[in-house]
Amino acid sequence: MSTAEATTFEQLEDRFRAALPVDVDYASIRFSEERGEYLRVRQGVLEPVTTSLDVGVMVTIWTGGGYGYAATSDLTSAGLAAAVERARDWARVTAGRAVIDEPPLEHPVGSYASPVDRAWTDTSLEDRIGLLVAADARLRGPRGLDDSRIVDRTASLSRLDTDAVILTSGGGRVEQRIRNTYPGLSVTANEGSNTQMRTHGRGSFVGQGGQEVLDRYGFDRAADRLVEQVLELLAAGNCPTGTMDLVLAPDQMILQIHESIGHPLELDRILGDERNYAGTSFVTPDMFGSYRYGSELLNVTFDPSVEGQLASYGFDDEGTPATKQYLIRDGILERPLGGAMSQARAGLPGVANSRACSWNRPPIDRMANLNVEPGTDTVDELIAGVERGVWLETNNSWSIDDSRNKFQFGCEYGRLITDGELGAVVRNPGYRGISATFWRSLTGVADADSFTVMGTPNCGKGEPNQQVGTGHASPACRFAGVEVFGGAE
């Protein structure tokens, strides 16, 4: 594990251990080091290359029925001692006032590392830039030839490496090495008053791993398809308006999952923690175990064990071991997205999803890998079951109310479905619904052949704000009787 200074990590770990107080009920130090590189080529021009390094620790102390946090980037013995005293002071202040007065945390031992086939450093910076220059050139028009209708284009590639260690006063030690890669492509076309954009999954084709992530999502092949489709959209008519069936591609399903299942099931939100910032949830604690969230075809899992998914890990940021759990099974709501702290508050079972965006933020309940499990139909069978409807790909707008219930989403690309067959391309497609009833209209879930592992790299939550990556995977899904609209509205 690298560090910002010449000090070896073994020396740092000894220093961390020495700083952990033993005269408290529970104490932990969570160390995090993040290293990033961000590359972007826009219309043939390389934008400034950006790198980042962020290193620090969060100290947590429980004592006398209270608990406190303190963070520092000063990793000297004096800096750590000062952070411990600040955390201890907050624990004293909250004693007798905390919602829970005993630490629900354990002293875990274990490790996790992202699978990496081809490391970022296996190629030179020049080669990585060359890859983006070539991709950007292919976005100029069909076969890479200039088309005056193409008015903007970008190709990007970023990586974020995170090394983290949690040490506890009871001998716990968890080490995790996360390697995330984020490729991106975007092309915009204009003709008169009509402007259309097509992206490579709107940033969702991201995941853990090295340069093989680009191959996983067909980065080299995507530019030609995006150019073809954005020009199709210029010539297409607006999506029709009316109540009809809907088949959502996996790269739109991930937004639907994220907004109308993930956020409503976050237990701290259900308990009211997000009310002041990002709203509450229509879900209430008494719904778990009985509420019909969707049709019997809906099976949703929290699964940080999926290899290569953006939010895979072995332990959450409080050290709780992460395992696959069903949140919704056969349409019935089973458990919330709540870590150890929220579980103790609510008296409900949860999952290992206490996560922090950095060393200077305490963990809160966050989505990690939240997936719709595959069904039994092929995509062709889903489409064949539609008399009148629309196929939608790639989210480009989203709106949902404060209780994560009523929503309206727009997509980049649509195709009409008539009598079981895909037809004309339509532009500016959108649909709206209510989370509490939308998932009950689920009439078909495609099989593993269309199951695609993706992610959302920029989910924000909490005060102060925390931005983290979440993983989502899904096959294509069909919904009946959805309110669909086009850009003419």
Protein backbone atom coordinates (compact mmCIF):
# COMPACT_ATOMS: atom_id res chain seq x y z
CA MET A 1 0.00 0.00 0.00
CA SER A 2 1.41 3.39 -1.00
CA THR A 3 1.27 6.49 1.18
CA ALA A 4 1.64 10.19 0.59
CA GLU A 5 4.92 10.24 2.54
CA ALA A 6 8.05 8.11 2.60
CA THR A 7 6.84 6.51 5.82
CA THR A 8 5.99 2.86 5.21
CA PHE A 9 2.45 1.76 5.84
CA GLU A 10 3.68 -0.68 8.47
CA GLN A 11 5.05 2.29 10.41
CA LEU A 12 1.77 4.13 9.99
CA GLU A 13 -0.19 1.12 11.17
CA ASP A 14 1.96 0.88 14.29
CA ARG A 15 1.26 4.58 14.88
CA PHE A 16 -2.49 4.04 14.40
CA ARG A 17 -2.51 1.13 16.84
CA ALA A 18 -0.63 3.16 19.43
CA ALA A 19 -3.18 5.97 19.10
CA LEU A 20 -6.24 3.75 19.66
CA PRO A 21 -7.50 4.27 23.24
CA VAL A 22 -8.16 1.17 25.33
CA ASP A 23 -10.19 2.84 28.09
CA VAL A 24 -13.34 3.17 25.94
CA ASP A 25 -16.12 0.82 24.90
CA TYR A 26 -15.07 0.82 21.25
CA ALA A 27 -12.65 2.74 19.06
CA SER A 28 -11.62 2.55 15.43
CA ILE A 29 -9.34 4.31 12.99
CA ARG A 30 -10.30 4.23 9.30
CA PHE A 31 -7.42 5.15 7.00
CA SER A 32 -8.09 6.03 3.36
CA GLU A 33 -5.80 6.98 0.49
CA GLU A 34 -7.31 7.86 -2.90
CA ARG A 35 -5.33 8.41 -6.10
CA GLY A 36 -7.02 9.56 -9.29
CA GLU A 37 -6.28 10.43 -12.90
CA TYR A 38 -8.75 12.17 -15.23
CA LEU A 39 -8.34 12.39 -19.02
CA ARG A 40 -10.71 14.02 -21.53
CA VAL A 41 -10.47 14.80 -25.23
CA ARG A 42 -13.11 17.14 -26.64
CA GLN A 43 -13.38 17.79 -30.38
CA GLY A 44 -9.81 16.72 -30.97
CA VAL A 45 -8.35 18.79 -28.14
CA LEU A 46 -6.84 17.26 -25.01
CA GLU A 47 -8.10 19.05 -21.93
CA PRO A 48 -5.69 19.51 -19.00
CA VAL A 49 -4.75 16.19 -17.43
CA THR A 50 -5.77 16.11 -13.78
CA THR A 51 -4.43 13.93 -11.00
CA SER A 52 -5.47 13.79 -7.37
CA LEU A 53 -4.23 12.45 -4.04
CA ASP A 54 -6.27 12.48 -0.83
CA VAL A 55 -5.08 10.85 2.40
CA GLY A 56 -6.40 10.90 5.96
CA VAL A 57 -8.08 9.04 8.81
CA MET A 58 -11.41 9.05 10.64
CA VAL A 59 -11.41 8.23 14.36
CA THR A 60 -14.57 6.83 15.97
CA ILE A 61 -14.97 6.44 19.74
CA TRP A 62 -17.84 5.01 21.83
CA THR A 63 -17.70 5.53 25.58
CA GLY A 64 -20.10 6.12 28.46
CA GLY A 65 -23.19 5.81 26.29
CA GLY A 66 -22.05 8.39 23.74
CA TYR A 67 -20.01 8.39 20.55
CA GLY A 68 -17.98 10.84 18.51
CA TYR A 69 -16.00 11.23 15.30
CA ALA A 70 -12.94 13.24 14.35
CA ALA A 71 -10.99 13.29 11.10
CA THR A 72 -7.47 14.45 10.30
CA SER A 73 -4.94 14.43 7.49
CA ASP A 74 -2.15 14.85 10.04
CA LEU A 75 -0.86 11.30 10.38
CA THR A 76 1.86 12.13 12.88
CA SER A 77 1.56 10.76 16.40
CA ALA A 78 0.58 14.21 17.63
CA GLY A 79 -2.02 14.64 14.89
CA LEU A 80 -3.59 11.27 15.64
CA ALA A 81 -3.62 11.95 19.38
CA ALA A 82 -5.41 15.25 18.78
CA ALA A 83 -8.06 13.55 16.62
CA VAL A 84 -8.59 10.88 19.29
CA GLU A 85 -9.15 13.56 21.92
CA ARG A 86 -11.64 15.43 19.72
CA ALA A 87 -13.58 12.20 19.09
CA ARG A 88 -13.48 11.43 22.83
CA ASP A 89 -14.80 14.92 23.61
CA TRP A 90 -17.75 14.44 21.24
CA ALA A 91 -18.46 11.07 22.83
CA ARG A 92 -18.62 12.76 26.23
CA VAL A 93 -20.95 15.47 24.89
CA THR A 94 -23.34 12.92 23.38
CA ALA A 95 -23.36 10.59 26.40
CA GLY A 96 -26.96 10.06 27.45
CA ARG A 97 -28.21 11.88 24.36
CA ALA A 98 -27.40 9.39 21.63
CA VAL A 99 -30.20 7.42 19.94
CA ILE A 100 -28.29 4.22 20.73
CA ASP A 101 -25.91 4.00 23.67
CA GLU A 102 -23.95 0.83 22.90
CA PRO A 103 -21.69 0.28 19.89
CA PRO A 104 -23.33 -2.11 17.40
CA LEU A 105 -19.94 -2.60 15.72
CA GLU A 106 -17.65 -5.62 15.77
CA HIS A 107 -13.90 -6.21 15.45
CA PRO A 108 -13.61 -7.80 12.00
CA VAL A 109 -10.55 -9.28 10.34
CA GLY A 110 -10.31 -9.68 6.58
CA SER A 111 -9.40 -8.16 3.23
CA TYR A 112 -10.74 -7.45 -0.24
CA ALA A 113 -9.11 -6.45 -3.53
CA SER A 114 -10.67 -5.54 -6.86
CA PRO A 115 -9.89 -8.03 -9.62
CA VAL A 116 -7.52 -6.40 -12.13
CA ASP A 117 -6.40 -8.05 -15.36
CA ARG A 118 -4.57 -5.11 -16.97
CA ALA A 119 -3.42 -2.43 -14.57
CA TRP A 120 -3.71 1.25 -15.41
CA THR A 121 0.10 1.51 -15.30
CA ASP A 122 0.54 -1.20 -17.95
CA THR A 123 0.29 1.55 -20.57
CA SER A 124 1.89 4.98 -20.73
CA LEU A 125 0.02 8.25 -20.32
CA GLU A 126 0.73 8.91 -23.99
CA ASP A 127 -0.97 5.65 -24.97
CA ARG A 128 -4.02 6.40 -22.83
CA ILE A 129 -4.36 9.82 -24.43
CA GLY A 130 -3.94 8.25 -27.86
CA LEU A 131 -6.82 5.89 -27.14
CA LEU A 132 -9.09 8.84 -26.41
CA VAL A 133 -7.90 10.84 -29.43
CA ALA A 134 -8.79 7.88 -31.66
CA ALA A 135 -12.21 7.43 -30.05
CA ASP A 136 -12.95 11.14 -30.33
CA ALA A 137 -12.01 11.07 -34.03
CA ARG A 138 -14.52 8.28 -34.71
CA LEU A 139 -17.25 10.49 -33.26
CA ARG A 140 -16.75 13.11 -36.03
CA GLY A 141 -19.28 11.41 -38.29
CA PRO A 142 -20.04 8.11 -40.05
CA ARG A 143 -16.82 6.11 -40.53
CA GLY A 144 -14.96 8.90 -38.76
CA LEU A 145 -15.53 11.40 -41.58
CA ASP A 146 -16.59 14.94 -40.76
CA ASP A 147 -20.33 15.50 -40.68
CA SER A 148 -21.41 19.12 -40.20
CA ARG A 149 -24.37 17.97 -38.09
CA ILE A 150 -22.02 16.72 -35.36
CA VAL A 151 -21.52 19.81 -33.17
CA ASP A 152 -19.85 18.36 -30.07
CA ARG A 153 -18.06 15.18 -29.06
CA THR A 154 -15.99 13.94 -26.12
CA ALA A 155 -14.06 10.86 -25.07
CA SER A 156 -12.94 10.47 -21.47
CA LEU A 157 -11.17 8.00 -19.22
CA SER A 158 -10.69 8.23 -15.45
CA ARG A 159 -9.53 5.99 -12.68
CA LEU A 160 -9.77 6.08 -8.91
CA ASP A 161 -7.63 3.81 -6.74
CA THR A 162 -8.59 3.55 -3.07
CA ASP A 163 -6.56 1.81 -0.39
CA ALA A 164 -8.29 1.64 2.99
CA VAL A 165 -7.66 0.03 6.36
CA ILE A 166 -9.92 -0.14 9.42
CA LEU A 167 -8.28 -0.89 12.77
CA THR A 168 -10.32 -1.39 15.95
CA SER A 169 -9.52 -1.35 19.66
CA GLY A 170 -10.50 -5.03 19.89
CA GLY A 171 -7.90 -6.21 17.37
CA GLY A 172 -9.96 -5.81 14.23
CA ARG A 173 -8.17 -5.21 10.96
CA VAL A 174 -9.79 -4.85 7.52
CA GLU A 175 -7.77 -3.94 4.43
CA GLN A 176 -9.40 -3.17 1.08
CA ARG A 177 -7.94 -2.16 -2.29
CA ILE A 178 -10.49 -0.78 -4.74
CA ARG A 179 -9.61 -0.06 -8.39
CA ASN A 180 -12.34 1.73 -10.37
CA THR A 181 -12.24 2.68 -14.07
CA TYR A 182 -14.62 5.15 -15.75
CA PRO A 183 -14.70 5.36 -19.58
CA GLY A 184 -17.06 7.77 -21.31
CA LEU A 185 -18.20 8.79 -24.81
CA SER A 186 -20.63 11.50 -25.89
CA VAL A 187 -21.72 12.92 -29.26
CA THR A 188 -24.17 15.77 -29.97
CA ALA A 189 -25.82 16.50 -33.31
CA ASN A 190 -27.90 19.48 -34.44
CA GLU A 191 -30.12 20.29 -37.39
CA GLY A 192 -32.12 23.50 -37.23
CA SER A 193 -33.91 23.66 -33.87
CA ASN A 194 -33.41 19.94 -33.23
CA THR A 195 -30.47 18.94 -31.01
CA GLN A 196 -29.87 15.35 -29.93
CA MET A 197 -27.24 13.66 -27.78
CA ARG A 198 -26.13 10.05 -27.60
CA THR A 199 -23.80 8.75 -24.91
CA HIS A 200 -22.16 5.49 -23.98
CA GLY A 201 -24.62 4.67 -21.20
CA ARG A 202 -24.55 8.20 -19.77
CA GLY A 203 -21.52 7.23 -17.70
CA SER A 204 -22.99 3.94 -16.46
CA PHE A 205 -20.59 1.59 -18.25
CA VAL A 206 -18.06 1.75 -15.43
CA GLY A 207 -16.72 -0.77 -12.98
CA GLN A 208 -13.94 -2.24 -10.92
CA GLY A 209 -10.83 -3.41 -12.70
CA GLY A 210 -8.11 -2.01 -14.90
CA GLN A 211 -8.09 -1.29 -18.60
CA GLU A 212 -10.12 -4.43 -19.24
CA VAL A 213 -13.17 -2.40 -18.16
CA LEU A 214 -13.05 -0.70 -21.58
CA ASP A 215 -13.23 -4.08 -23.32
CA ARG A 216 -16.03 -5.21 -21.00
CA TYR A 217 -18.31 -2.46 -22.30
CA GLY A 218 -17.17 -2.36 -25.93
CA PHE A 219 -15.56 1.07 -25.70
CA ASP A 220 -13.68 0.64 -29.00
CA ARG A 221 -16.86 -0.30 -30.89
CA ALA A 222 -19.26 2.17 -29.29
CA ALA A 223 -18.34 5.37 -31.17
CA ASP A 224 -19.64 4.20 -34.56
CA ARG A 225 -22.95 3.07 -33.04
CA LEU A 226 -23.41 6.36 -31.17
CA VAL A 227 -22.84 8.41 -34.33
CA GLU A 228 -25.30 6.29 -36.29
CA GLN A 229 -27.95 6.60 -33.59
CA VAL A 230 -27.58 10.34 -32.94
CA LEU A 231 -28.10 10.99 -36.66
CA GLU A 232 -31.11 8.66 -36.61
CA LEU A 233 -32.55 10.76 -33.83
CA LEU A 234 -32.23 13.93 -35.90
CA ALA A 235 -34.42 12.37 -38.57
CA ALA A 236 -36.85 10.68 -36.15
CA GLY A 237 -40.27 11.87 -35.07
CA ASN A 238 -41.15 12.62 -31.46
CA CYS A 239 -42.14 9.76 -29.20
CA PRO A 240 -45.94 9.38 -29.14
CA THR A 241 -47.90 10.26 -26.02
CA GLY A 242 -50.28 7.86 -24.34
CA THR A 243 -50.64 4.88 -22.03
CA MET A 244 -48.74 1.91 -23.41
CA ASP A 245 -46.32 -0.87 -22.58
CA LEU A 246 -42.69 -0.09 -21.92
CA VAL A 247 -39.54 -2.18 -22.35
CA LEU A 248 -36.53 -0.66 -20.61
CA ALA A 249 -32.99 -1.54 -21.67
CA PRO A 250 -30.53 -2.30 -18.85
CA ASP A 251 -28.89 1.14 -19.07
CA GLN A 252 -32.26 2.77 -18.29
CA MET A 253 -33.22 0.16 -15.73
CA ILE A 254 -30.27 1.18 -13.57
CA LEU A 255 -31.69 4.69 -13.12
CA GLN A 256 -35.13 3.25 -12.37
CA ILE A 257 -33.60 0.95 -9.75
CA HIS A 258 -31.46 3.71 -8.27
CA GLU A 259 -34.19 6.30 -7.82
CA SER A 260 -37.33 4.28 -7.10
CA ILE A 261 -35.90 1.32 -5.18
CA GLY A 262 -32.45 2.28 -3.89
CA HIS A 263 -33.12 5.67 -2.32
CA PRO A 264 -36.55 4.77 -0.89
CA LEU A 265 -35.06 1.73 0.89
CA GLU A 266 -32.19 3.58 2.60
CA LEU A 267 -33.00 3.07 6.25
CA ASP A 268 -31.59 6.36 7.54
CA ARG A 269 -33.85 8.13 5.03
CA ILE A 270 -36.83 6.08 6.25
CA LEU A 271 -35.91 7.14 9.81
CA GLY A 272 -35.92 10.80 8.74
CA ASP A 273 -32.21 11.64 8.48
CA GLU A 274 -32.42 13.03 4.92
CA ARG A 275 -35.63 15.03 5.41
CA ASN A 276 -33.84 18.39 5.50
CA TYR A 277 -31.69 17.73 2.45
CA ALA A 278 -33.00 15.21 -0.05
CA GLY A 279 -36.39 14.21 1.30
CA THR A 280 -37.79 11.16 3.02
CA SER A 281 -39.28 7.93 1.66
CA PHE A 282 -42.77 6.61 1.02
CA VAL A 283 -41.55 3.38 2.68
CA THR A 284 -42.26 3.02 6.41
CA PRO A 285 -40.72 0.53 8.87
CA ASP A 286 -43.92 -1.51 9.22
CA MET A 287 -43.88 -2.41 5.49
CA PHE A 288 -40.95 -4.83 5.74
CA GLY A 289 -42.01 -8.43 5.52
CA SER A 290 -45.43 -7.81 3.99
CA TYR A 291 -45.56 -4.89 1.54
CA ARG A 292 -46.00 -5.74 -2.15
CA TYR A 293 -43.41 -3.52 -3.76
CA GLY A 294 -43.71 -5.08 -7.21
CA SER A 295 -45.16 -7.95 -9.17
CA GLU A 296 -44.06 -11.49 -8.29
CA LEU A 297 -41.43 -11.19 -11.04
CA LEU A 298 -39.46 -8.58 -9.08
CA ASN A 299 -36.41 -9.84 -7.20
CA VAL A 300 -33.90 -7.25 -5.99
CA THR A 301 -30.64 -8.00 -4.22
CA PHE A 302 -27.95 -6.10 -2.39
CA ASP A 303 -24.83 -7.89 -3.62
CA PRO A 304 -21.35 -6.44 -3.02
CA SER A 305 -19.83 -9.76 -4.13
CA VAL A 306 -20.38 -9.29 -7.89
CA GLU A 307 -16.96 -9.35 -9.53
CA GLY A 308 -16.14 -6.11 -11.32
CA GLN A 309 -19.22 -4.17 -10.21
CA LEU A 310 -18.54 -0.59 -9.18
CA ALA A 311 -19.50 -0.89 -5.49
CA SER A 312 -18.20 -4.38 -4.72
CA TYR A 313 -16.36 -4.78 -1.42
CA GLY A 314 -15.76 -7.27 1.35
CA PHE A 315 -16.66 -4.98 4.27
CA ASP A 316 -18.46 -1.68 4.58
CA ASP A 317 -16.75 1.37 6.08
CA GLU A 318 -17.74 0.37 9.61
CA GLY A 319 -16.17 -3.05 9.09
CA THR A 320 -19.37 -5.08 8.74
CA PRO A 321 -18.82 -8.12 6.46
CA ALA A 322 -20.78 -7.73 3.23
CA THR A 323 -22.92 -10.58 1.89
CA LYS A 324 -25.66 -10.91 -0.71
CA GLN A 325 -29.12 -10.23 0.69
CA TYR A 326 -32.57 -10.08 -0.88
CA LEU A 327 -34.29 -6.74 -0.38
CA ILE A 328 -37.35 -7.67 -2.45
CA ARG A 329 -38.25 -11.30 -3.14
CA ASP A 330 -41.11 -12.29 -5.46
CA GLY A 331 -42.31 -8.69 -5.19
CA ILE A 332 -42.48 -8.60 -1.36
CA LEU A 333 -40.34 -6.10 0.55
CA GLU A 334 -38.00 -7.99 2.91
CA ARG A 335 -35.28 -5.68 4.27
CA PRO A 336 -33.98 -2.11 4.02
CA LEU A 337 -30.62 -0.71 3.01
CA GLY A 338 -29.46 -0.04 6.55
CA GLY A 339 -26.05 -0.51 8.14
CA ALA A 340 -25.29 -1.52 11.72
CA MET A 341 -26.13 1.87 13.24
CA SER A 342 -29.50 2.18 11.51
CA GLN A 343 -30.34 -1.45 12.24
CA ALA A 344 -29.80 -0.81 15.95
CA ARG A 345 -31.99 2.31 15.80
CA ALA A 346 -34.84 0.70 13.86
CA GLY A 347 -34.74 -2.86 15.19
CA LEU A 348 -34.75 -4.13 11.62
CA PRO A 349 -32.34 -6.42 9.79
CA GLY A 350 -30.28 -4.64 7.15
CA VAL A 351 -27.12 -4.99 5.08
CA ALA A 352 -23.47 -3.93 5.17
CA ASN A 353 -23.90 -0.57 3.47
CA SER A 354 -22.47 2.05 5.85
CA ARG A 355 -20.26 3.91 3.41
CA ALA A 356 -18.27 7.15 3.39
CA CYS A 357 -17.05 9.10 0.37
CA SER A 358 -13.73 9.98 2.02
CA TRP A 359 -11.67 9.82 5.20
CA ASN A 360 -13.26 13.09 6.38
CA ARG A 361 -16.87 11.88 6.33
CA PRO A 362 -18.59 9.42 8.70
CA PRO A 363 -20.29 6.43 7.06
CA ILE A 364 -24.00 6.67 6.31
CA ASP A 365 -26.50 4.29 4.70
CA ARG A 366 -25.74 4.14 0.96
CA MET A 367 -26.64 1.96 -1.95
CA ALA A 368 -23.81 -0.31 -3.03
CA ASN A 369 -24.50 -3.00 -5.65
CA LEU A 370 -28.28 -3.03 -6.03
CA ASN A 371 -29.44 -5.46 -8.72
CA VAL A 372 -32.60 -6.79 -10.33
CA GLU A 373 -32.10 -10.53 -10.66
CA PRO A 374 -32.60 -12.10 -14.13
CA GLY A 375 -35.86 -13.73 -15.13
CA THR A 376 -36.62 -16.38 -17.73
CA ASP A 377 -37.69 -14.53 -20.91
CA THR A 378 -35.46 -13.54 -23.79
CA VAL A 379 -35.46 -9.89 -24.85
CA ASP A 380 -37.20 -10.94 -28.09
CA GLU A 381 -39.94 -12.59 -26.03
CA LEU A 382 -40.41 -9.42 -23.98
CA ILE A 383 -40.84 -7.39 -27.16
CA ALA A 384 -43.07 -10.02 -28.77
CA GLY A 385 -45.50 -9.63 -25.87
CA VAL A 386 -46.11 -5.94 -26.62
CA GLU A 387 -48.97 -4.91 -28.90
CA ARG A 388 -48.30 -1.18 -28.62
CA GLY A 389 -45.37 0.26 -26.76
CA VAL A 390 -41.87 1.65 -26.85
CA TRP A 391 -38.32 0.43 -26.20
CA LEU A 392 -36.17 2.94 -24.28
CA GLU A 393 -32.41 3.22 -23.78
CA THR A 394 -30.11 5.44 -21.70
CA ASN A 395 -31.38 7.97 -19.21
CA ASN A 396 -30.91 11.69 -19.90
CA SER A 397 -33.20 13.35 -17.33
CA TRP A 398 -34.74 12.44 -14.00
CA SER A 399 -37.12 13.95 -11.51
CA ILE A 400 -38.61 12.36 -8.41
CA ASP A 401 -40.50 13.83 -5.47
CA ASP A 402 -39.26 14.22 -1.90
CA SER A 403 -40.70 10.88 -0.82
CA ARG A 404 -39.09 9.06 -3.77
CA ASN A 405 -42.51 8.13 -5.08
CA LYS A 406 -43.78 10.14 -8.07
CA PHE A 407 -41.19 10.22 -10.86
CA GLN A 408 -40.64 11.38 -14.44
CA PHE A 409 -37.70 10.17 -16.52
CA GLY A 410 -36.46 10.99 -20.01
CA CYS A 411 -34.33 8.82 -22.28
CA GLU A 412 -31.89 9.42 -25.12
CA TYR A 413 -33.16 6.82 -27.58
CA GLY A 414 -36.42 5.03 -28.25
CA ARG A 415 -38.01 2.67 -30.74
CA LEU A 416 -41.68 1.97 -31.25
CA ILE A 417 -42.99 -1.54 -30.66
CA THR A 418 -46.02 -2.55 -32.74
CA ASP A 419 -47.57 -6.02 -32.71
CA GLY A 420 -44.50 -7.53 -31.10
CA GLU A 421 -41.89 -6.03 -33.41
CA LEU A 422 -39.39 -3.18 -33.03
CA GLY A 423 -40.17 -0.31 -35.41
CA ALA A 424 -39.22 3.29 -36.04
CA VAL A 425 -36.75 5.26 -33.94
CA VAL A 426 -38.36 8.04 -31.85
CA ARG A 427 -36.71 11.01 -30.21
CA ASN A 428 -37.26 12.72 -26.83
CA PRO A 429 -39.01 9.74 -25.21
CA GLY A 430 -40.09 9.95 -21.60
CA TYR A 431 -42.35 8.25 -19.09
CA ARG A 432 -43.79 8.91 -15.66
CA GLY A 433 -45.24 6.89 -12.83
CA ILE A 434 -45.45 6.24 -9.10
CA SER A 435 -42.88 3.97 -7.47
CA ALA A 436 -45.51 2.36 -5.26
CA THR A 437 -47.42 1.09 -8.26
CA PHE A 438 -44.94 1.15 -11.16
CA TRP A 439 -43.08 -1.98 -10.08
CA ARG A 440 -46.36 -3.87 -9.74
CA SER A 441 -46.87 -3.35 -13.48
CA LEU A 442 -43.75 -5.44 -14.20
CA THR A 443 -44.83 -8.15 -16.66
CA GLY A 444 -41.54 -9.50 -17.94
CA VAL A 445 -37.91 -9.82 -16.81
CA ALA A 446 -35.32 -10.92 -19.35
CA ASP A 447 -32.86 -13.72 -18.68
CA ALA A 448 -29.15 -13.61 -17.90
CA ASP A 449 -28.22 -13.00 -21.56
CA SER A 450 -29.23 -9.34 -21.20
CA PHE A 451 -28.13 -8.98 -17.57
CA THR A 452 -25.63 -6.09 -17.63
CA VAL A 453 -23.42 -4.99 -14.74
CA MET A 454 -23.12 -1.19 -14.61
CA GLY A 455 -22.86 1.65 -12.13
CA THR A 456 -23.69 5.21 -11.17
CA PRO A 457 -20.45 7.06 -10.32
CA ASN A 458 -21.91 10.22 -8.79
CA CYS A 459 -24.70 9.56 -6.29
CA GLY A 460 -24.97 12.39 -3.77
CA LYS A 461 -26.44 12.25 -0.28
CA GLY A 462 -25.93 13.61 3.21
CA GLU A 463 -24.96 16.88 4.89
CA PRO A 464 -22.12 17.67 4.32
CA ASN A 465 -22.63 16.09 0.92
CA GLN A 466 -21.06 12.74 0.12
CA GLN A 467 -20.70 11.59 -3.48
CA VAL A 468 -20.11 7.87 -4.00
CA GLY A 469 -20.35 5.30 -6.75
CA THR A 470 -23.16 2.77 -6.72
CA GLY A 471 -23.37 -0.45 -8.72
CA HIS A 472 -26.51 -1.54 -10.53
CA ALA A 473 -27.15 -4.57 -12.71
CA SER A 474 -30.28 -5.60 -14.52
CA PRO A 475 -31.68 -7.37 -17.55
CA ALA A 476 -34.21 -5.67 -19.82
CA CYS A 477 -37.67 -5.43 -18.22
CA ARG A 478 -41.24 -4.93 -19.49
CA PHE A 479 -43.95 -2.85 -17.81
CA ALA A 480 -47.65 -2.63 -18.72
CA GLY A 481 -49.84 0.45 -18.98
CA VAL A 482 -47.24 3.17 -18.42
CA GLU A 483 -47.82 6.85 -19.15
CA VAL A 484 -45.41 7.66 -22.01
CA PHE A 485 -44.82 11.09 -23.57
CA GLY A 486 -42.70 12.76 -26.23
CA GLY A 487 -40.95 16.04 -26.74
CA ALA A 488 -43.99 17.67 -28.32
CA GLU A 489 -45.58 18.05 -24.85
